[in-house]
Amino acid sequence: MNNFPSLKEYLSARTATLKTQAELQELKRVYRNLYHQEYMRRKKDLHTITLRITKRECKHLQKNMKEHNYTSMNKFLLDCIQAYLSQGYVFPNKKDTQDLNKYL
């Protein structure tokens, strides 16, 4: 997880005061609990949607994704949906949008 210390980093920051193996095991247990809490907090923000499409439709989407210079299908689909709902256009980055706005 981004912005969350790894177990190695967590232990290295706190091992100077450890004296026994039991304290080390307790520190690892505390880290696992903290990691799980952070994971569950971040998981609440995500929603999963399953999309069932045919092989032909999938290839068509992949082809368009590559034409628009996207590397993530998820990001491509979200941008397409937002563009459709706002009656806009699909651009892989903000620079292309700014260039188009200059000419309008």
N, C-alpha and C. Protein backbone atom coordinates (compact mmCIF):
# COMPACT_ATOMS: atom_id res chain seq x y z
N MET A 1 0.84 -1.18 0.00
CA MET A 1 0.00 0.00 0.00
C MET A 1 0.89 1.24 0.00
N ASN A 2 0.50 2.20 -0.79
CA ASN A 2 1.26 3.45 -0.84
C ASN A 2 1.10 4.20 0.47
N ASN A 3 2.12 4.93 0.86
CA ASN A 3 2.12 5.76 2.06
C ASN A 3 1.90 4.97 3.34
N PHE A 4 2.20 3.71 3.34
CA PHE A 4 2.11 2.89 4.54
C PHE A 4 3.43 2.13 4.65
N PRO A 5 4.08 2.18 5.81
CA PRO A 5 5.40 1.55 5.91
C PRO A 5 5.33 0.03 5.77
N SER A 6 6.37 -0.54 5.18
CA SER A 6 6.45 -1.99 5.09
C SER A 6 6.82 -2.53 6.47
N LEU A 7 6.68 -3.84 6.63
CA LEU A 7 7.02 -4.46 7.91
C LEU A 7 8.48 -4.20 8.26
N LYS A 8 9.34 -4.29 7.26
CA LYS A 8 10.78 -4.07 7.49
C LYS A 8 11.04 -2.65 7.98
N GLU A 9 10.39 -1.66 7.36
CA GLU A 9 10.55 -0.27 7.78
C GLU A 9 9.99 -0.05 9.17
N TYR A 10 8.83 -0.64 9.44
CA TYR A 10 8.18 -0.51 10.74
C TYR A 10 9.06 -1.08 11.84
N LEU A 11 9.62 -2.27 11.60
CA LEU A 11 10.47 -2.92 12.61
C LEU A 11 11.79 -2.17 12.80
N SER A 12 12.39 -1.71 11.72
CA SER A 12 13.67 -1.02 11.84
C SER A 12 13.54 0.27 12.62
N ALA A 13 12.38 0.90 12.56
CA ALA A 13 12.17 2.14 13.30
C ALA A 13 11.95 1.88 14.79
N ARG A 14 11.60 0.66 15.15
CA ARG A 14 11.24 0.37 16.53
C ARG A 14 12.08 -0.71 17.21
N THR A 15 13.03 -1.32 16.53
CA THR A 15 13.77 -2.43 17.11
C THR A 15 14.88 -1.99 18.07
N ALA A 16 15.19 -0.72 18.14
CA ALA A 16 16.27 -0.27 19.04
C ALA A 16 15.92 -0.53 20.50
N THR A 17 14.64 -0.51 20.82
CA THR A 17 14.22 -0.69 22.22
C THR A 17 13.86 -2.13 22.55
N LEU A 18 13.86 -3.03 21.57
CA LEU A 18 13.47 -4.42 21.82
C LEU A 18 14.57 -5.18 22.54
N LYS A 19 14.14 -6.07 23.46
CA LYS A 19 15.11 -6.86 24.19
C LYS A 19 14.88 -8.36 24.03
N THR A 20 13.64 -8.77 23.81
CA THR A 20 13.35 -10.20 23.73
C THR A 20 12.63 -10.54 22.43
N GLN A 21 12.60 -11.82 22.15
CA GLN A 21 11.89 -12.32 20.97
C GLN A 21 10.38 -12.12 21.12
N ALA A 22 9.89 -12.20 22.33
CA ALA A 22 8.45 -12.00 22.59
C ALA A 22 8.04 -10.58 22.24
N GLU A 23 8.90 -9.62 22.55
CA GLU A 23 8.59 -8.23 22.20
C GLU A 23 8.56 -8.04 20.68
N LEU A 24 9.45 -8.74 19.98
CA LEU A 24 9.46 -8.67 18.52
C LEU A 24 8.17 -9.26 17.95
N GLN A 25 7.73 -10.39 18.47
CA GLN A 25 6.48 -11.01 18.01
C GLN A 25 5.29 -10.09 18.30
N GLU A 26 5.30 -9.43 19.44
CA GLU A 26 4.22 -8.50 19.79
C GLU A 26 4.22 -7.31 18.83
N LEU A 27 5.39 -6.82 18.48
CA LEU A 27 5.51 -5.71 17.53
C LEU A 27 4.97 -6.11 16.15
N LYS A 28 5.27 -7.33 15.72
CA LYS A 28 4.75 -7.82 14.44
C LYS A 28 3.24 -7.95 14.47
N ARG A 29 2.69 -8.40 15.61
CA ARG A 29 1.24 -8.53 15.75
C ARG A 29 0.58 -7.15 15.66
N VAL A 30 1.16 -6.17 16.32
CA VAL A 30 0.63 -4.80 16.28
C VAL A 30 0.66 -4.27 14.85
N TYR A 31 1.76 -4.54 14.14
CA TYR A 31 1.87 -4.09 12.74
C TYR A 31 0.78 -4.72 11.88
N ARG A 32 0.56 -6.03 12.03
CA ARG A 32 -0.48 -6.70 11.25
C ARG A 32 -1.85 -6.08 11.50
N ASN A 33 -2.13 -5.74 12.76
CA ASN A 33 -3.41 -5.09 13.08
C ASN A 33 -3.52 -3.72 12.44
N LEU A 34 -2.45 -2.95 12.50
CA LEU A 34 -2.45 -1.62 11.87
C LEU A 34 -2.62 -1.73 10.35
N TYR A 35 -1.92 -2.69 9.76
CA TYR A 35 -2.00 -2.89 8.32
C TYR A 35 -3.42 -3.28 7.92
N HIS A 36 -4.02 -4.18 8.68
CA HIS A 36 -5.39 -4.62 8.38
C HIS A 36 -6.37 -3.46 8.52
N GLN A 37 -6.21 -2.64 9.55
CA GLN A 37 -7.09 -1.48 9.71
C GLN A 37 -6.98 -0.52 8.53
N GLU A 38 -5.76 -0.27 8.10
CA GLU A 38 -5.53 0.62 6.95
C GLU A 38 -6.12 0.02 5.68
N TYR A 39 -5.95 -1.28 5.50
CA TYR A 39 -6.50 -1.96 4.32
C TYR A 39 -8.01 -1.85 4.30
N MET A 40 -8.65 -2.10 5.43
CA MET A 40 -10.11 -2.03 5.49
C MET A 40 -10.60 -0.60 5.28
N ARG A 41 -9.86 0.39 5.79
CA ARG A 41 -10.25 1.78 5.59
C ARG A 41 -10.22 2.14 4.11
N ARG A 42 -9.17 1.71 3.42
CA ARG A 42 -9.05 2.01 1.99
C ARG A 42 -10.04 1.20 1.16
N LYS A 43 -10.36 0.00 1.61
CA LYS A 43 -11.28 -0.86 0.86
C LYS A 43 -12.68 -0.28 0.84
N LYS A 44 -13.06 0.46 1.88
CA LYS A 44 -14.38 1.07 1.94
C LYS A 44 -14.62 2.04 0.79
N ASP A 45 -13.55 2.67 0.33
CA ASP A 45 -13.67 3.68 -0.71
C ASP A 45 -13.84 3.09 -2.11
N LEU A 46 -13.57 1.79 -2.26
CA LEU A 46 -13.64 1.16 -3.58
C LEU A 46 -14.97 0.44 -3.78
N HIS A 47 -15.47 0.50 -4.99
CA HIS A 47 -16.67 -0.23 -5.36
C HIS A 47 -16.34 -1.08 -6.58
N THR A 48 -16.77 -2.32 -6.57
CA THR A 48 -16.48 -3.23 -7.65
C THR A 48 -17.71 -3.41 -8.52
N ILE A 49 -17.50 -3.32 -9.83
CA ILE A 49 -18.56 -3.54 -10.80
C ILE A 49 -18.06 -4.60 -11.77
N THR A 50 -18.88 -5.59 -12.04
CA THR A 50 -18.52 -6.63 -12.99
C THR A 50 -19.18 -6.33 -14.32
N LEU A 51 -18.39 -6.35 -15.37
CA LEU A 51 -18.88 -6.07 -16.71
C LEU A 51 -18.69 -7.32 -17.55
N ARG A 52 -19.76 -7.84 -18.10
CA ARG A 52 -19.69 -9.04 -18.93
C ARG A 52 -19.85 -8.62 -20.39
N ILE A 53 -18.81 -8.90 -21.17
CA ILE A 53 -18.82 -8.55 -22.58
C ILE A 53 -18.32 -9.73 -23.39
N THR A 54 -18.64 -9.69 -24.68
CA THR A 54 -18.20 -10.77 -25.56
C THR A 54 -16.72 -10.57 -25.90
N LYS A 55 -16.13 -11.60 -26.46
CA LYS A 55 -14.72 -11.54 -26.86
C LYS A 55 -14.51 -10.44 -27.91
N ARG A 56 -15.45 -10.34 -28.82
CA ARG A 56 -15.37 -9.33 -29.89
C ARG A 56 -15.42 -7.92 -29.30
N GLU A 57 -16.32 -7.71 -28.35
CA GLU A 57 -16.42 -6.39 -27.71
C GLU A 57 -15.15 -6.07 -26.92
N CYS A 58 -14.59 -7.07 -26.28
CA CYS A 58 -13.36 -6.88 -25.51
C CYS A 58 -12.21 -6.47 -26.43
N LYS A 59 -12.08 -7.14 -27.56
CA LYS A 59 -11.01 -6.79 -28.51
C LYS A 59 -11.20 -5.38 -29.04
N HIS A 60 -12.46 -5.01 -29.29
CA HIS A 60 -12.76 -3.67 -29.77
C HIS A 60 -12.37 -2.63 -28.72
N LEU A 61 -12.68 -2.89 -27.46
CA LEU A 61 -12.31 -1.97 -26.39
C LEU A 61 -10.79 -1.88 -26.24
N GLN A 62 -10.11 -3.02 -26.33
CA GLN A 62 -8.65 -3.02 -26.20
C GLN A 62 -7.99 -2.24 -27.34
N LYS A 63 -8.54 -2.39 -28.54
CA LYS A 63 -8.01 -1.66 -29.69
C LYS A 63 -8.17 -0.16 -29.48
N ASN A 64 -9.34 0.26 -29.04
CA ASN A 64 -9.58 1.68 -28.80
C ASN A 64 -8.75 2.21 -27.63
N MET A 65 -8.55 1.38 -26.64
CA MET A 65 -7.73 1.77 -25.50
C MET A 65 -6.31 2.09 -25.97
N LYS A 66 -5.76 1.23 -26.82
CA LYS A 66 -4.41 1.45 -27.33
C LYS A 66 -4.35 2.66 -28.25
N GLU A 67 -5.38 2.87 -29.06
CA GLU A 67 -5.42 4.03 -29.95
C GLU A 67 -5.42 5.34 -29.17
N HIS A 68 -6.04 5.33 -28.00
CA HIS A 68 -6.11 6.54 -27.18
C HIS A 68 -4.96 6.61 -26.17
N ASN A 69 -3.98 5.72 -26.31
CA ASN A 69 -2.77 5.71 -25.48
C ASN A 69 -3.05 5.51 -23.99
N TYR A 70 -4.02 4.67 -23.68
CA TYR A 70 -4.28 4.30 -22.30
C TYR A 70 -3.56 2.99 -22.01
N THR A 71 -3.08 2.84 -20.79
CA THR A 71 -2.47 1.57 -20.38
C THR A 71 -3.39 0.79 -19.45
N SER A 72 -4.40 1.44 -18.90
CA SER A 72 -5.32 0.79 -17.97
C SER A 72 -6.72 0.76 -18.58
N MET A 73 -7.28 -0.43 -18.68
CA MET A 73 -8.64 -0.56 -19.20
C MET A 73 -9.63 0.13 -18.27
N ASN A 74 -9.39 0.02 -16.97
CA ASN A 74 -10.28 0.62 -15.99
C ASN A 74 -10.34 2.13 -16.18
N LYS A 75 -9.18 2.77 -16.30
CA LYS A 75 -9.13 4.22 -16.50
C LYS A 75 -9.78 4.61 -17.82
N PHE A 76 -9.55 3.83 -18.86
CA PHE A 76 -10.13 4.10 -20.16
C PHE A 76 -11.66 4.05 -20.10
N LEU A 77 -12.19 3.00 -19.48
CA LEU A 77 -13.65 2.87 -19.38
C LEU A 77 -14.26 3.98 -18.55
N LEU A 78 -13.62 4.33 -17.44
CA LEU A 78 -14.14 5.42 -16.61
C LEU A 78 -14.15 6.74 -17.37
N ASP A 79 -13.07 7.02 -18.11
CA ASP A 79 -13.01 8.25 -18.89
C ASP A 79 -14.06 8.26 -20.00
N CYS A 80 -14.28 7.11 -20.63
CA CYS A 80 -15.30 7.01 -21.67
C CYS A 80 -16.70 7.26 -21.11
N ILE A 81 -16.97 6.68 -19.98
CA ILE A 81 -18.29 6.86 -19.35
C ILE A 81 -18.50 8.31 -18.97
N GLN A 82 -17.47 8.92 -18.34
CA GLN A 82 -17.60 10.33 -17.95
C GLN A 82 -17.77 11.23 -19.17
N ALA A 83 -17.03 10.95 -20.24
CA ALA A 83 -17.15 11.75 -21.46
C ALA A 83 -18.54 11.60 -22.07
N TYR A 84 -19.06 10.39 -22.05
CA TYR A 84 -20.40 10.15 -22.60
C TYR A 84 -21.45 10.90 -21.80
N LEU A 85 -21.36 10.82 -20.48
CA LEU A 85 -22.35 11.46 -19.63
C LEU A 85 -22.29 12.98 -19.71
N SER A 86 -21.09 13.53 -19.89
CA SER A 86 -20.96 14.98 -19.97
C SER A 86 -20.95 15.47 -21.42
N GLN A 87 -21.19 14.56 -22.36
CA GLN A 87 -21.20 14.85 -23.79
C GLN A 87 -19.88 15.50 -24.20
N GLY A 88 -18.78 14.93 -23.71
CA GLY A 88 -17.45 15.45 -23.99
C GLY A 88 -16.65 14.49 -24.83
N TYR A 89 -15.33 14.61 -24.72
CA TYR A 89 -14.40 13.80 -25.50
C TYR A 89 -13.48 13.02 -24.57
N VAL A 90 -12.87 11.97 -25.12
CA VAL A 90 -11.96 11.14 -24.35
C VAL A 90 -10.53 11.51 -24.72
N PHE A 91 -9.75 11.95 -23.72
CA PHE A 91 -8.35 12.27 -23.91
C PHE A 91 -7.54 11.55 -22.84
N PRO A 92 -6.41 10.96 -23.19
CA PRO A 92 -5.63 10.22 -22.20
C PRO A 92 -4.91 11.10 -21.18
N ASN A 93 -4.71 12.37 -21.50
CA ASN A 93 -4.05 13.23 -20.53
C ASN A 93 -4.60 14.65 -20.63
N LYS A 94 -4.33 15.43 -19.61
CA LYS A 94 -4.87 16.80 -19.52
C LYS A 94 -4.25 17.72 -20.57
N LYS A 95 -3.04 17.44 -21.00
CA LYS A 95 -2.37 18.30 -21.98
C LYS A 95 -3.15 18.35 -23.29
N ASP A 96 -3.67 17.19 -23.73
CA ASP A 96 -4.45 17.16 -24.96
C ASP A 96 -5.72 17.99 -24.81
N THR A 97 -6.34 17.93 -23.66
CA THR A 97 -7.55 18.71 -23.41
C THR A 97 -7.24 20.20 -23.45
N GLN A 98 -6.14 20.59 -22.83
CA GLN A 98 -5.75 22.00 -22.83
C GLN A 98 -5.43 22.49 -24.23
N ASP A 99 -4.76 21.64 -25.03
CA ASP A 99 -4.45 22.02 -26.42
C ASP A 99 -5.72 22.24 -27.22
N LEU A 100 -6.70 21.38 -27.03
CA LEU A 100 -7.96 21.52 -27.76
C LEU A 100 -8.69 22.79 -27.32
N ASN A 101 -8.67 23.08 -26.04
CA ASN A 101 -9.36 24.28 -25.54
C ASN A 101 -8.72 25.55 -26.07
N LYS A 102 -7.43 25.54 -26.36
CA LYS A 102 -6.76 26.71 -26.93
C LYS A 102 -7.32 27.04 -28.31
N TYR A 103 -7.64 25.98 -29.07
CA TYR A 103 -8.10 26.18 -30.44
C TYR A 103 -9.58 26.50 -30.53
N LEU A 104 -10.33 26.29 -29.47
CA LEU A 104 -11.77 26.55 -29.50
C LEU A 104 -12.11 27.95 -29.10
